[in-house]
Amino acid sequence: MKLQTVSIFVDDQQRALDFYTSALGFEVAADVPLGEHRWLTIVDPDRPDGTQISLEPKAHPAVPPFVDALVADGIPYCVLGVEDAQAEYERLLALGITFTMPPTDVGPVIVAVFDDTCGNLIQLAQNTM
């Protein structure tokens, strides 16, 4: 068994696709029209057979209160692993990405948190062990 797909709930699928591909470097794995929305997944280009991220619309009524509560409390929705948190922080800052937490050493990991412009806080994590 393996983790096939995880979902990130987004305000706007096209804006999310633009952000996650151009700013974060993911590639489209699937883009299938489904009426009003799309089955839209992205993947790490270095691991095309790896876990995909579904850019899932916030269409279900339970989603906005859930995601809004996470953001209000400063809780990241998911974690993206990076080799160098400081370098990635500086690269994303140069692109105009807003961080709610700069790179912070918390022991076995350095973390930073940014706004994905689609309604979520996302954490970068660099393992240091």
Foldseek 3Di string as FASTA:
>chain_A
DAAAEEEDEFADVVLLVCLCCVLVNWAWLDWADDPPGTQTWTDHPVCSRHHIYTHHYQPDPVRPVVLLVCVVVVHFPEEDEDADQQVSQVSNVVVVWAWPAHFDDPDQWTKTWTDSVGRGIYMYIHGDD
